[in-house]
Protein backbone atom coordinates (compact mmCIF):
# COMPACT_ATOMS: atom_id res chain seq x y z
CA MET A 1 -20.11 -27.60 -3.77
CA CYS A 2 -17.17 -29.28 -5.34
CA SER A 3 -13.45 -28.84 -5.54
CA PHE A 4 -10.50 -29.88 -7.63
CA ALA A 5 -6.81 -30.41 -7.21
CA MET A 6 -4.08 -29.98 -9.77
CA ARG A 7 -0.41 -30.74 -9.94
CA ILE A 8 1.77 -27.71 -10.32
CA GLY A 9 5.30 -27.55 -11.52
CA LYS A 10 7.82 -24.79 -11.16
CA ASP A 11 5.73 -22.23 -13.03
CA SER A 12 5.28 -18.69 -11.82
CA ILE A 13 2.51 -17.89 -9.33
CA PHE A 14 0.83 -15.89 -12.11
CA LYS A 15 0.65 -18.93 -14.43
CA ILE A 16 -0.50 -21.22 -11.62
CA GLU A 17 -3.31 -18.86 -10.60
CA VAL A 18 -4.46 -18.37 -14.20
CA ARG A 19 -4.45 -22.14 -14.72
CA ALA A 20 -6.47 -22.64 -11.50
CA ILE A 21 -9.01 -20.05 -12.66
CA LEU A 22 -9.33 -21.79 -16.03
CA GLU A 23 -9.79 -25.19 -14.38
CA GLY A 24 -12.41 -23.74 -12.01
CA LEU A 25 -14.27 -22.12 -14.90
CA ASN A 26 -14.20 -25.39 -16.87
CA LEU A 27 -15.59 -27.22 -13.83
CA ALA A 28 -18.35 -24.62 -13.38
CA TRP A 29 -19.20 -24.85 -17.08
CA ALA A 30 -19.43 -28.66 -16.82
CA PHE A 31 -22.03 -28.21 -14.05
CA ASP A 32 -24.01 -25.78 -16.27
CA PHE A 33 -23.15 -22.63 -14.33
CA ARG A 34 -23.11 -19.78 -16.84
CA GLN A 35 -23.15 -16.64 -14.69
CA LEU A 36 -20.20 -16.57 -12.33
CA GLU A 37 -18.42 -14.17 -10.05
CA LEU A 38 -14.73 -14.84 -9.54
CA GLU A 39 -12.75 -13.46 -6.62
CA CYS A 40 -8.98 -13.56 -6.69
CA ASP A 41 -6.38 -12.10 -4.35
CA ASN A 42 -3.82 -11.70 -7.13
CA THR A 43 -4.21 -8.15 -8.45
CA LEU A 44 -2.04 -8.74 -11.52
CA VAL A 45 -4.10 -11.76 -12.59
CA VAL A 46 -7.42 -9.91 -12.26
CA LYS A 47 -6.13 -6.78 -14.03
CA THR A 48 -4.70 -8.90 -16.87
CA ILE A 49 -7.97 -10.78 -17.35
CA LEU A 50 -9.97 -7.55 -17.35
CA ALA A 51 -7.53 -5.80 -19.71
CA SER A 52 -7.73 -8.72 -22.15
CA GLY A 53 -11.51 -8.36 -22.40
CA ALA A 54 -11.99 -11.96 -21.20
CA GLY A 55 -14.05 -10.80 -18.23
CA THR A 56 -16.16 -7.89 -17.11
CA LYS A 57 -15.56 -5.80 -14.01
CA GLY A 58 -18.67 -7.26 -12.34
CA SER A 59 -17.61 -10.85 -12.92
CA PHE A 60 -13.96 -10.63 -11.78
CA SER A 61 -12.95 -8.84 -8.62
CA ILE A 62 -9.92 -8.47 -6.41
CA ILE A 63 -10.27 -9.42 -2.76
CA PRO A 64 -7.78 -8.72 0.00
CA ARG A 65 -5.41 -11.64 0.62
CA GLU A 66 -6.48 -11.66 4.30
CA HIS A 67 -10.02 -12.64 3.25
CA ASN A 68 -8.68 -15.79 1.63
CA ARG A 69 -6.84 -17.33 4.61
CA VAL A 70 -9.09 -20.37 5.01
CA ALA A 71 -9.06 -21.29 1.32
CA ASN A 72 -5.29 -20.87 1.21
CA LEU A 73 -4.75 -23.06 4.27
CA MET A 74 -7.10 -25.75 2.93
CA ALA A 75 -5.30 -25.72 -0.43
CA GLU A 76 -1.89 -25.95 1.21
CA SER A 77 -3.02 -28.88 3.37
CA GLY A 78 -4.51 -30.72 0.39
CA SER A 79 -7.91 -30.95 2.08
CA ASN A 80 -11.20 -30.30 0.32
CA ASN A 81 -13.51 -31.19 3.19
CA TYR A 82 -14.80 -27.80 4.30
CA ASP A 83 -17.52 -29.30 6.50
CA ALA A 84 -14.99 -31.05 8.73
CA ALA A 85 -12.44 -28.24 8.90
CA PRO A 86 -9.73 -28.98 11.45
CA ILE A 87 -9.73 -27.05 14.70
CA LEU A 88 -6.87 -24.96 13.32
CA LEU A 89 -9.19 -23.64 10.63
CA GLN A 90 -12.14 -22.91 12.88
CA GLU A 91 -10.52 -19.74 14.24
CA LEU A 92 -9.67 -18.58 10.70
CA LEU A 93 -13.26 -19.21 9.64
CA LYS A 94 -14.46 -17.06 12.53
CA ILE A 95 -12.01 -14.27 11.63
CA ASP A 96 -13.08 -14.40 7.96
CA LEU A 97 -16.79 -14.28 8.89
CA ASP A 98 -16.20 -11.37 11.25
CA SER A 99 -14.32 -9.41 8.57
CA MET A 100 -17.14 -9.64 6.00
């Protein structure tokens, strides 16, 4: 696994999410991953990508925002160490696993 961080300005959430998707796809491509599934909790972003023809319904999907709590908290804290998740995250990880 790997991660990345990016500086964001005062762009809209839509632009930030699209930019993060592009950066993630570039990173995956650099590691020779060619078949990907992308999950995003921003319905407008996913619908826009699908409507543009840039993705197929099987490769881009919308997930409920509640299923993304751990990733959101890790991103907000600036941490990319998922193996040593703080105690605060352990309960969220359990909730996310239980909801799958």
